[in-house]
Amino acid sequence: MANQIRGRFQKEAAKTAQDYSSSIHYDWRLYPYDIAGSMAHAKMLAKQGIITMAEGKAIVEALAEIGEEISEGKFEFKPELEDIHINIEARLIEKIGDAGKKLHTARSRNDQVALDIRLFTRDAIIHTIGEIVELQTILVELASNHKTTIIPGYTHMQKAQPILLAHHFLAYFEMLGRDIERLDSCLTRVDVMPLGSGALAGVAYNIDRKFVADELGFKEISRNSLDAVADRDFIIEFEADASLCMMHLSRLAEEIVLWSSGEFDFIEIDDAYTTGSSIMPQKKNPDMAELARGKTGRVYGNLMGLLTTMKGLPLAYNRDMQEDKEGFFDTVDTLISTLEVFTGMLKSVRIKTDKTTGAAQMGYLLATDLADYLVSKGVSFRAAHEATGKLVTYAIKKGKSLKDLTLPEYRKFAPEFAQDVYEITVESSVTARNNTGGTAYKQVAKQIAAARRKLKDFECDCDDEH
C-alpha cells in the first residue's frame, strides 16, 4: 500500500484500508532489529558485488543515523507507510537517494519481518531469563533467612502438616527453574536466521547467508524458505512458556494475598507494593499480587489468539500473521514487568514468624506423626490411621488440642501410646521428613546450597557467553 511498492496498482489504497492495515503504532519497537538486519544485509550485498562497496557503506552509515534519530525521538513515523520497515526504508531513500532503493535487493518484507521478530524474541528470552534469575535469587535469600521458620503446609486449603517456610519458597524456585529450562530450549529454535528466504521461494542472487548469520549472531540458518517465512512456532512457544511462568507467579500471588490477610496474617507487604481504599481507611490491599493474577489471563489470551490465527493458514506468508506482534509484545512486557514487581515485593516483605509458628501449632497437623508413631510401635499403618482419626475426632469434641490430651485418653484409642508421645512436636515432625526433597532441616539446607550453586552456575554461563 505504500507508494514505494504500489507499481501494480492504479490508485491509492482507501484511507480506511490504510488505517486498518497499518502496524507502525506497535511494530516501531522493532526498529533496532530492523536496522541491524538491514546493515548486515547491505554489507553482504556489497561483499558479494551485488551493490558497490560505496553504496553499501552509504547505506550502513545512513541506517546508523536513522537509528539515532529514532532513539532520540526525532524520527517522524508515517502511518501511511504501514510499518517500521517501510518507514525506515523511505527515510533511507530520502537521505541517500537511489542507493537506498538498492537495500531491498535479494530480500522480501516476508523474510525481513521474520528476521526482525526472531532478533526481538532472542533478546526477549535473554531478558526474561535474567529477570527470573533475579526473582529466584530473592527466593533463595528468603529461604536462607527462614530455614528454621515453621508454617502449616496445606492441601485442599486445609492445614495438613508442618513444613519449613524455606521449603515453601524453594518450591517456587523449582518452578521458575523449569521456566528457565523451557525458555532456554525455545531459544535454540529462535536462533535460526531466515533472511535469504525471500517472499517464499528463496532469492535469485548470489547471496551469502552465512555471512549475514554471523553478523547477527545466529547459530543456524533456515533450511526451507517456505517454512522460514511462515513459521511463528517460536512466538507461540514463547507465549506458552510465558503462560506457564505467569501461572507460577499467579499461584504465588494467591498465597501472598492469603498470607497478608487478617485471617492468616503471616506476612506484611511493604507499603510500596500495596494500595489503600477510597472509602475504608484501614485497608492495605495486595493489589500487585491481585494484578498478577489478572494479567495471567491476559497472557493466556495472547497465546490462544495466535494459535487461533495460525491454525488455518496455508503456506506461505499471509497478512493474518501481522497479528502475531501486538499480543506477543504485550506478553513480553507483562511477564517481564510482573517478574520485576515480584522481585521488589518479595525483597521487602516482612515475615511474621510468631504467627506462622503459632498457626503450625494450632489444629491437628501432627495427626500423621501420631499414626507414624503407632507404626513404629508395631501397629499396621491402616490401623494406626483409623485409631488416630478417632483420636482427633474425640479431641475436637472435647475442645482439646493433641498436646492437651492425657495419656489415658490416648490409650483409649491405642494401648501402644506411651509417655514418649508427648515428644512429638512440630519441630520433630519437620525433622522426621529427612529424605531427599523433604522438609527436614538438613534436607532444606542441602536444597538451599544446591539452589545457590545453580544461580552461581548461571552467572558463570552468562559470563562465558559475554
Protein backbone atom coordinates (compact mmCIF):
# COMPACT_ATOMS: atom_id res chain seq x y z
CA MET A 1 0.00 0.00 0.00
CA ALA A 2 2.92 2.36 0.50
CA ASN A 3 3.96 4.43 -2.53
CA GLN A 4 7.29 2.63 -2.71
CA ILE A 5 5.67 -0.70 -3.58
CA ARG A 6 2.45 0.18 -5.40
CA GLY A 7 3.65 -0.20 -9.02
CA ARG A 8 1.00 -2.84 -9.74
CA PHE A 9 -1.84 -0.51 -8.68
CA GLN A 10 -3.55 2.42 -10.37
CA LYS A 11 -4.92 4.15 -7.30
CA GLU A 12 -4.05 4.79 -3.67
CA ALA A 13 -5.48 2.49 -1.02
CA ALA A 14 -8.58 3.79 0.70
CA LYS A 15 -7.84 5.74 3.88
CA THR A 16 -9.81 3.20 5.93
CA ALA A 17 -7.78 0.37 4.37
CA GLN A 18 -4.51 2.17 5.16
CA ASP A 19 -5.54 2.70 8.76
CA TYR A 20 -6.76 -0.88 9.08
CA SER A 21 -3.53 -2.39 7.80
CA SER A 22 -1.07 -0.04 9.48
CA SER A 23 1.08 -1.59 12.20
CA ILE A 24 3.55 1.24 12.84
CA HIS A 25 1.83 2.13 16.13
CA TYR A 26 3.22 -1.06 17.67
CA ASP A 27 5.91 -2.51 15.40
CA TRP A 28 8.02 0.66 15.67
CA ARG A 29 9.74 -1.07 18.59
CA LEU A 30 11.36 -3.46 16.13
CA TYR A 31 13.47 -0.60 14.77
CA PRO A 32 16.85 -1.61 16.30
CA TYR A 33 16.44 -5.12 14.90
CA ASP A 34 15.28 -3.87 11.51
CA ILE A 35 18.30 -1.60 11.30
CA ALA A 36 20.72 -4.28 12.47
CA GLY A 37 19.31 -6.74 9.93
CA SER A 38 19.44 -4.17 7.14
CA MET A 39 23.04 -3.27 7.97
CA ALA A 40 24.08 -6.91 7.81
CA HIS A 41 22.18 -7.36 4.55
CA ALA A 42 23.79 -4.28 2.99
CA LYS A 43 27.28 -5.42 3.99
CA MET A 44 26.59 -8.81 2.43
CA LEU A 45 25.27 -7.28 -0.81
CA ALA A 46 28.42 -5.19 -1.08
CA LYS A 47 30.72 -8.13 -0.25
CA GLN A 48 29.04 -10.20 -2.94
CA GLY A 49 29.29 -7.41 -5.52
CA ILE A 50 25.50 -7.12 -5.83
CA ILE A 51 25.87 -3.45 -4.89
CA THR A 52 29.09 -1.42 -4.79
CA MET A 53 31.17 -1.09 -1.66
CA ALA A 54 30.48 2.66 -1.69
CA GLU A 55 26.74 2.05 -1.82
CA GLY A 56 26.98 -0.46 0.99
CA LYS A 57 28.95 1.97 3.13
CA ALA A 58 26.47 4.79 2.47
CA ILE A 59 23.54 2.55 3.39
CA VAL A 60 25.12 1.35 6.63
CA GLU A 61 26.08 4.87 7.73
CA ALA A 62 22.62 6.25 6.92
CA LEU A 63 20.93 3.39 8.79
CA ALA A 64 23.04 4.16 11.85
CA GLU A 65 21.91 7.79 11.66
CA ILE A 66 18.28 6.72 11.34
CA GLY A 67 18.67 4.55 14.43
CA GLU A 68 19.91 7.58 16.35
CA GLU A 69 17.00 9.68 15.07
CA ILE A 70 14.51 7.11 16.37
CA SER A 71 16.22 6.61 19.72
CA GLU A 72 16.37 10.37 20.25
CA GLY A 73 12.72 10.86 19.33
CA LYS A 74 13.49 12.88 16.21
CA PHE A 75 12.12 10.41 13.65
CA GLU A 76 8.73 11.09 12.06
CA PHE A 77 6.73 7.88 11.83
CA LYS A 78 4.23 7.97 8.97
CA PRO A 79 1.18 5.69 9.39
CA GLU A 80 0.54 5.73 5.64
CA LEU A 81 3.84 3.84 5.21
CA GLU A 82 2.28 0.96 7.14
CA ASP A 83 5.12 -0.44 9.19
CA ILE A 84 8.56 0.15 10.64
CA HIS A 85 10.29 -1.49 7.67
CA ILE A 86 8.86 0.88 5.04
CA ASN A 87 9.25 3.88 7.34
CA ILE A 88 12.96 3.19 7.72
CA GLU A 89 13.44 2.43 4.03
CA ALA A 90 11.64 5.63 3.00
CA ARG A 91 13.85 7.68 5.30
CA LEU A 92 16.92 5.91 3.93
CA ILE A 93 15.98 6.83 0.36
CA GLU A 94 15.28 10.37 1.49
CA LYS A 95 18.78 10.58 2.97
CA ILE A 96 20.92 8.92 0.26
CA GLY A 97 18.73 8.71 -2.84
CA ASP A 98 18.92 5.83 -5.31
CA ALA A 99 21.47 3.88 -3.29
CA GLY A 100 18.81 3.49 -0.61
CA LYS A 101 16.49 1.86 -3.14
CA LYS A 102 19.04 -0.95 -3.58
CA LEU A 103 18.84 -2.12 0.03
CA HIS A 104 15.80 -4.29 -0.65
CA THR A 105 17.64 -6.26 -3.33
CA ALA A 106 17.56 -10.02 -2.60
CA ARG A 107 15.06 -9.81 0.22
CA SER A 108 11.31 -9.55 0.81
CA ARG A 109 9.38 -7.96 3.61
CA ASN A 110 8.38 -11.52 4.46
CA ASP A 111 11.87 -12.69 5.38
CA GLN A 112 12.72 -9.23 6.72
CA VAL A 113 9.84 -9.39 9.20
CA ALA A 114 10.74 -12.97 10.13
CA LEU A 115 14.29 -11.82 10.85
CA ASP A 116 13.27 -8.84 12.95
CA ILE A 117 10.86 -10.77 15.12
CA ARG A 118 13.42 -13.52 15.73
CA LEU A 119 16.00 -10.95 16.79
CA PHE A 120 13.43 -9.36 19.11
CA THR A 121 12.42 -12.74 20.54
CA ARG A 122 16.02 -13.72 21.18
CA ASP A 123 16.57 -10.59 23.27
CA ALA A 124 13.20 -11.03 25.00
CA ILE A 125 14.12 -14.55 26.10
CA ILE A 126 17.52 -13.48 27.42
CA HIS A 127 15.93 -10.54 29.29
CA THR A 128 13.17 -12.74 30.72
CA ILE A 129 15.59 -15.40 31.95
CA GLY A 130 17.62 -12.69 33.64
CA GLU A 131 14.52 -11.42 35.46
CA ILE A 132 13.56 -14.95 36.53
CA VAL A 133 17.03 -15.46 37.97
CA GLU A 134 16.67 -12.21 39.94
CA LEU A 135 13.43 -13.49 41.46
CA GLN A 136 14.99 -16.88 42.17
CA THR A 137 17.82 -15.12 43.98
CA ILE A 138 15.34 -13.37 46.29
CA LEU A 139 13.52 -16.66 46.95
CA VAL A 140 16.81 -18.31 47.96
CA GLU A 141 17.61 -15.39 50.26
CA LEU A 142 14.18 -15.69 51.87
CA ALA A 143 14.68 -19.42 52.26
CA SER A 144 18.10 -18.89 53.81
CA ASN A 145 16.72 -16.32 56.25
CA HIS A 146 13.84 -18.61 57.25
CA LYS A 147 15.35 -22.09 57.21
CA THR A 148 14.05 -22.77 60.73
CA THR A 149 10.70 -20.96 60.43
CA ILE A 150 7.80 -23.41 60.55
CA ILE A 151 4.46 -22.84 58.84
CA PRO A 152 1.42 -25.02 58.24
CA GLY A 153 1.54 -26.87 54.94
CA TYR A 154 -1.82 -27.10 53.21
CA THR A 155 -3.70 -29.49 50.97
CA HIS A 156 -7.22 -28.61 49.81
CA MET A 157 -6.57 -25.29 51.61
CA GLN A 158 -6.81 -27.23 54.89
CA LYS A 159 -3.93 -27.41 57.34
CA ALA A 160 -2.09 -30.65 56.59
CA GLN A 161 1.42 -30.98 58.04
CA PRO A 162 4.07 -28.62 59.38
CA ILE A 163 6.76 -27.60 56.90
CA LEU A 164 9.63 -25.16 56.81
CA LEU A 165 8.88 -21.80 55.21
CA ALA A 166 12.18 -22.16 53.37
CA HIS A 167 10.88 -25.37 51.80
CA HIS A 168 7.83 -23.48 50.58
CA PHE A 169 9.89 -20.72 48.98
CA LEU A 170 12.16 -23.27 47.33
CA ALA A 171 9.15 -24.91 45.69
CA TYR A 172 8.77 -21.71 43.65
CA PHE A 173 12.49 -21.71 42.94
CA GLU A 174 11.98 -25.13 41.30
CA MET A 175 9.00 -23.92 39.26
CA LEU A 176 10.93 -20.93 37.98
CA GLY A 177 13.88 -23.18 37.19
CA ARG A 178 11.67 -25.18 34.84
CA ASP A 179 10.54 -21.91 33.26
CA ILE A 180 14.19 -21.07 32.54
CA GLU A 181 14.77 -24.51 31.03
CA ARG A 182 11.78 -24.11 28.72
CA LEU A 183 12.81 -20.61 27.63
CA ASP A 184 16.39 -21.74 27.06
CA SER A 185 15.12 -24.58 24.91
CA CYS A 186 12.90 -22.16 22.99
CA LEU A 187 15.97 -20.02 22.35
CA THR A 188 17.59 -22.80 20.31
CA ARG A 189 14.62 -22.73 17.92
CA VAL A 190 14.55 -18.94 17.79
CA ASP A 191 18.24 -18.79 16.92
CA VAL A 192 17.69 -19.59 13.22
CA MET A 193 18.42 -16.95 10.55
CA PRO A 194 15.58 -16.67 7.97
CA LEU A 195 16.90 -13.82 5.79
CA GLY A 196 17.57 -15.01 2.26
CA SER A 197 14.29 -16.88 2.03
CA GLY A 198 12.73 -14.07 0.03
CA ALA A 199 8.95 -13.95 -0.23
CA LEU A 200 8.71 -17.74 -0.09
CA ALA A 201 11.00 -19.41 -2.67
CA GLY A 202 14.45 -18.06 -1.89
CA VAL A 203 16.19 -15.36 -3.96
CA ALA A 204 17.83 -15.37 -7.39
CA TYR A 205 21.06 -13.66 -6.31
CA ASN A 206 24.44 -14.95 -5.25
CA ILE A 207 23.97 -14.10 -1.59
CA ASP A 208 26.00 -15.27 1.41
CA ARG A 209 23.54 -16.27 4.12
CA LYS A 210 26.25 -17.49 6.48
CA PHE A 211 27.86 -14.05 6.42
CA VAL A 212 24.58 -12.44 7.49
CA ALA A 213 24.01 -15.10 10.16
CA ASP A 214 27.48 -14.50 11.59
CA GLU A 215 26.98 -10.73 11.53
CA LEU A 216 23.77 -11.09 13.53
CA GLY A 217 24.99 -13.85 15.84
CA PHE A 218 22.68 -16.63 14.65
CA LYS A 219 23.78 -20.20 15.27
CA GLU A 220 21.77 -21.73 12.44
CA ILE A 221 20.38 -20.84 9.02
CA SER A 222 16.84 -21.83 7.99
CA ARG A 223 16.70 -24.87 5.72
CA ASN A 224 13.37 -24.28 3.97
CA SER A 225 12.34 -20.90 2.58
CA LEU A 226 8.60 -21.64 2.78
CA ASP A 227 8.83 -22.61 6.42
CA ALA A 228 11.17 -19.72 7.27
CA VAL A 229 8.69 -17.00 6.25
CA ALA A 230 5.59 -18.84 7.52
CA ASP A 231 6.94 -20.04 10.88
CA ARG A 232 5.65 -18.43 14.05
CA ASP A 233 6.09 -21.52 16.22
CA PHE A 234 8.80 -19.78 18.22
CA ILE A 235 6.42 -16.96 19.21
CA ILE A 236 3.73 -19.44 20.19
CA GLU A 237 6.33 -21.39 22.15
CA PHE A 238 7.45 -18.27 23.98
CA GLU A 239 3.85 -17.38 24.77
CA ALA A 240 3.24 -20.91 26.06
CA ASP A 241 6.36 -20.71 28.23
CA ALA A 242 5.28 -17.25 29.41
CA SER A 243 1.83 -18.61 30.26
CA LEU A 244 3.38 -21.31 32.44
CA CYS A 245 5.63 -18.79 34.16
CA MET A 246 2.70 -16.43 34.75
CA MET A 247 0.73 -19.36 36.16
CA HIS A 248 3.52 -19.97 38.66
CA LEU A 249 3.60 -16.29 39.58
CA SER A 250 -0.18 -16.26 39.88
CA ARG A 251 -0.07 -19.15 42.34
CA LEU A 252 2.50 -17.27 44.39
CA ALA A 253 0.34 -14.15 44.09
CA GLU A 254 -2.62 -16.05 45.53
CA GLU A 255 -0.55 -17.12 48.52
CA ILE A 256 0.68 -13.57 49.05
CA VAL A 257 -2.96 -12.41 49.06
CA LEU A 258 -3.93 -15.11 51.54
CA TRP A 259 -0.89 -14.74 53.78
CA SER A 260 -1.30 -10.97 54.01
CA SER A 261 -4.97 -11.23 55.00
CA GLY A 262 -6.11 -10.75 58.59
CA GLU A 263 -7.20 -14.36 58.71
CA PHE A 264 -3.67 -15.65 58.01
CA ASP A 265 -1.51 -12.65 58.98
CA PHE A 266 1.72 -14.47 58.05
CA ILE A 267 3.30 -11.56 56.17
CA GLU A 268 3.19 -7.82 55.75
CA ILE A 269 3.70 -6.45 52.27
CA ASP A 270 5.70 -3.25 52.04
CA ASP A 271 3.66 -0.09 51.50
CA ALA A 272 5.38 0.39 48.15
CA TYR A 273 3.57 -2.67 46.77
CA THR A 274 0.10 -2.10 48.23
CA THR A 275 -2.73 0.39 47.84
CA GLY A 276 -5.39 1.85 50.08
CA SER A 277 -9.13 2.06 49.79
CA SER A 278 -11.03 5.10 48.53
CA ILE A 279 -13.54 4.70 51.36
CA MET A 280 -12.11 2.39 54.05
CA PRO A 281 -9.06 3.99 55.68
CA GLN A 282 -7.92 0.81 57.43
CA LYS A 283 -7.36 -1.13 54.21
CA LYS A 284 -3.95 -2.17 52.86
CA ASN A 285 -4.67 -4.06 49.68
CA PRO A 286 -2.25 -6.51 47.98
CA ASP A 287 -3.03 -5.03 44.57
CA MET A 288 0.23 -6.02 42.85
CA ALA A 289 -0.39 -9.68 43.62
CA GLU A 290 -4.02 -9.34 42.52
CA LEU A 291 -3.00 -7.67 39.28
CA ALA A 292 -0.58 -10.50 38.56
CA ARG A 293 -3.45 -12.97 38.87
CA GLY A 294 -5.50 -10.88 36.46
CA LYS A 295 -2.69 -10.35 33.96
CA THR A 296 -2.10 -14.09 33.82
CA GLY A 297 -5.40 -14.48 32.00
CA ARG A 298 -4.32 -11.81 29.55
CA VAL A 299 -1.15 -13.72 28.71
CA TYR A 300 -3.19 -16.90 28.22
CA GLY A 301 -5.44 -14.94 25.85
CA ASN A 302 -2.49 -13.81 23.74
CA LEU A 303 -1.39 -17.42 23.36
CA MET A 304 -4.84 -18.59 22.33
CA GLY A 305 -5.21 -15.64 19.97
CA LEU A 306 -2.08 -16.51 18.00
CA LEU A 307 -2.83 -20.23 17.97
CA THR A 308 -6.24 -19.39 16.52
CA THR A 309 -4.72 -17.04 13.94
CA MET A 310 -2.22 -19.61 12.72
CA LYS A 311 -4.35 -22.74 12.71
CA GLY A 312 -5.93 -22.27 9.28
CA LEU A 313 -3.19 -20.56 7.30
CA PRO A 314 -1.85 -22.23 4.14
CA LEU A 315 1.80 -21.80 3.22
CA ALA A 316 3.47 -19.43 2.98
CA TYR A 317 3.06 -15.89 4.32
CA ASN A 318 -0.44 -14.47 4.88
CA ARG A 319 -1.28 -10.99 6.15
CA ASP A 320 -3.10 -12.56 9.08
CA MET A 321 0.37 -13.10 10.50
CA GLN A 322 0.71 -9.37 11.14
CA GLU A 323 -1.48 -10.15 14.15
CA ASP A 324 1.40 -12.05 15.75
CA LYS A 325 3.07 -8.97 17.22
CA GLU A 326 0.69 -6.94 19.37
CA GLY A 327 -0.23 -9.82 21.67
CA PHE A 328 3.37 -11.04 21.68
CA PHE A 329 4.75 -7.65 22.68
CA ASP A 330 2.08 -7.47 25.39
CA THR A 331 3.07 -10.90 26.70
CA VAL A 332 6.76 -9.98 26.83
CA ASP A 333 6.03 -6.70 28.61
CA THR A 334 3.54 -8.28 31.03
CA LEU A 335 5.81 -11.15 32.03
CA ILE A 336 8.90 -9.01 32.50
CA SER A 337 7.08 -6.33 34.49
CA THR A 338 5.43 -8.98 36.68
CA LEU A 339 8.79 -10.58 37.43
CA GLU A 340 10.25 -7.17 38.29
CA VAL A 341 7.36 -6.34 40.62
CA PHE A 342 7.53 -9.72 42.38
CA THR A 343 11.27 -9.38 42.92
CA GLY A 344 10.81 -6.00 44.59
CA MET A 345 7.74 -7.10 46.55
CA LEU A 346 9.32 -10.25 47.96
CA LYS A 347 12.58 -8.47 48.70
CA SER A 348 10.74 -6.11 51.03
CA VAL A 349 8.13 -8.46 52.53
CA ARG A 350 8.15 -8.96 56.30
CA ILE A 351 7.54 -12.48 57.61
CA LYS A 352 5.66 -12.67 60.91
CA THR A 353 7.43 -15.75 62.27
CA ASP A 354 5.47 -15.75 65.52
CA LYS A 355 2.24 -16.01 63.55
CA THR A 356 3.50 -18.75 61.21
CA THR A 357 4.80 -20.88 64.08
CA GLY A 358 1.66 -20.32 66.10
CA ALA A 359 -0.51 -21.36 63.16
CA ALA A 360 1.54 -24.54 62.72
CA GLN A 361 0.97 -25.44 66.37
CA MET A 362 -2.77 -24.94 66.17
CA GLY A 363 -5.14 -27.64 64.99
CA TYR A 364 -4.21 -31.25 64.37
CA LEU A 365 -1.23 -31.05 62.00
CA LEU A 366 0.61 -33.77 63.97
CA ALA A 367 -2.04 -36.43 63.34
CA THR A 368 0.08 -38.12 60.66
CA ASP A 369 3.01 -38.16 63.08
CA LEU A 370 0.80 -39.90 65.66
CA ALA A 371 -0.07 -42.56 63.11
CA ASP A 372 3.63 -42.94 62.24
CA TYR A 373 4.35 -43.21 65.99
CA LEU A 374 1.95 -46.14 66.30
CA VAL A 375 3.52 -47.79 63.25
CA SER A 376 6.89 -47.54 65.00
CA LYS A 377 5.28 -49.47 67.85
CA GLY A 378 4.28 -52.30 65.54
CA VAL A 379 0.75 -51.23 64.57
CA SER A 380 -0.16 -51.51 60.87
CA PHE A 381 -0.48 -48.16 59.13
CA ARG A 382 -4.17 -48.65 58.30
CA ALA A 383 -5.00 -49.49 61.92
CA ALA A 384 -2.86 -46.60 63.12
CA HIS A 385 -4.59 -44.25 60.67
CA GLU A 386 -8.02 -45.31 61.92
CA ALA A 387 -7.07 -45.01 65.58
CA THR A 388 -5.58 -41.57 65.07
CA GLY A 389 -8.64 -40.42 63.13
CA LYS A 390 -10.87 -41.43 66.02
CA LEU A 391 -8.49 -39.74 68.46
CA VAL A 392 -8.67 -36.46 66.52
CA THR A 393 -12.49 -36.63 66.41
CA TYR A 394 -12.52 -37.17 70.18
CA ALA A 395 -10.17 -34.21 70.76
CA ILE A 396 -12.30 -31.93 68.57
CA LYS A 397 -15.45 -32.88 70.51
CA LYS A 398 -13.67 -32.24 73.80
CA GLY A 399 -12.26 -28.94 72.54
CA LYS A 400 -8.73 -30.07 73.26
CA SER A 401 -5.50 -29.90 71.29
CA LEU A 402 -3.48 -33.11 70.89
CA LYS A 403 -0.90 -31.96 73.42
CA ASP A 404 -3.68 -31.35 75.99
CA LEU A 405 -4.92 -34.94 75.89
CA THR A 406 -3.91 -37.11 78.84
CA LEU A 407 -2.11 -40.41 78.36
CA PRO A 408 -5.21 -42.39 79.46
CA GLU A 409 -7.17 -40.54 76.79
CA TYR A 410 -4.57 -41.51 74.19
CA ARG A 411 -4.70 -45.14 75.29
CA LYS A 412 -8.48 -45.29 74.80
CA PHE A 413 -7.68 -45.44 71.09
CA ALA A 414 -4.46 -47.48 71.08
CA PRO A 415 -2.73 -49.15 74.04
CA GLU A 416 0.63 -48.63 72.31
CA PHE A 417 0.64 -44.95 73.19
CA ALA A 418 3.23 -44.21 75.90
CA GLN A 419 4.72 -41.19 77.63
CA ASP A 420 7.04 -40.52 74.71
CA VAL A 421 4.02 -39.50 72.59
CA TYR A 422 4.47 -36.03 74.09
CA GLU A 423 7.85 -35.78 72.38
CA ILE A 424 6.02 -35.34 69.08
CA THR A 425 6.17 -31.64 68.17
CA VAL A 426 6.09 -29.55 65.02
CA GLU A 427 9.88 -29.49 65.20
CA SER A 428 10.16 -33.27 65.46
CA SER A 429 7.64 -33.62 62.66
CA VAL A 430 9.77 -31.46 60.35
CA THR A 431 12.97 -33.25 61.41
CA ALA A 432 11.46 -36.65 60.63
CA ARG A 433 10.99 -35.81 56.92
CA ASN A 434 14.70 -36.37 56.33
CA ASN A 435 14.60 -37.84 52.84
CA THR A 436 15.81 -36.21 49.64
CA GLY A 437 13.32 -33.49 48.74
CA GLY A 438 11.74 -33.49 52.19
CA THR A 439 11.15 -30.56 54.53
CA ALA A 440 13.65 -31.63 57.22
CA TYR A 441 16.14 -29.02 58.37
CA LYS A 442 19.09 -30.94 56.90
CA GLN A 443 17.33 -31.51 53.58
CA VAL A 444 16.31 -27.87 53.23
CA ALA A 445 19.86 -26.76 53.98
CA LYS A 446 21.01 -29.02 51.13
CA GLN A 447 18.30 -27.59 48.87
CA ILE A 448 19.43 -24.03 49.63
CA ALA A 449 23.05 -24.94 48.87
CA ALA A 450 22.02 -26.60 45.61
CA ALA A 451 19.94 -23.57 44.64
CA ARG A 452 22.89 -21.26 45.29
CA ARG A 453 25.08 -23.46 43.08
CA LYS A 454 22.54 -23.26 40.28
CA LEU A 455 22.48 -19.48 40.50
CA LYS A 456 26.28 -19.39 40.54
CA ASP A 457 26.46 -21.68 37.51
CA PHE A 458 24.03 -19.42 35.68
CA GLU A 459 26.22 -16.40 36.39
CA CYS A 460 29.24 -18.26 35.04
CA ASP A 461 27.36 -19.32 31.90
CA CYS A 462 26.33 -15.72 31.28
CA ASP A 463 29.91 -14.52 31.74
CA ASP A 464 31.13 -17.14 29.26
CA GLU A 465 28.54 -16.08 26.67
CA HIS A 466 29.50 -12.43 27.05
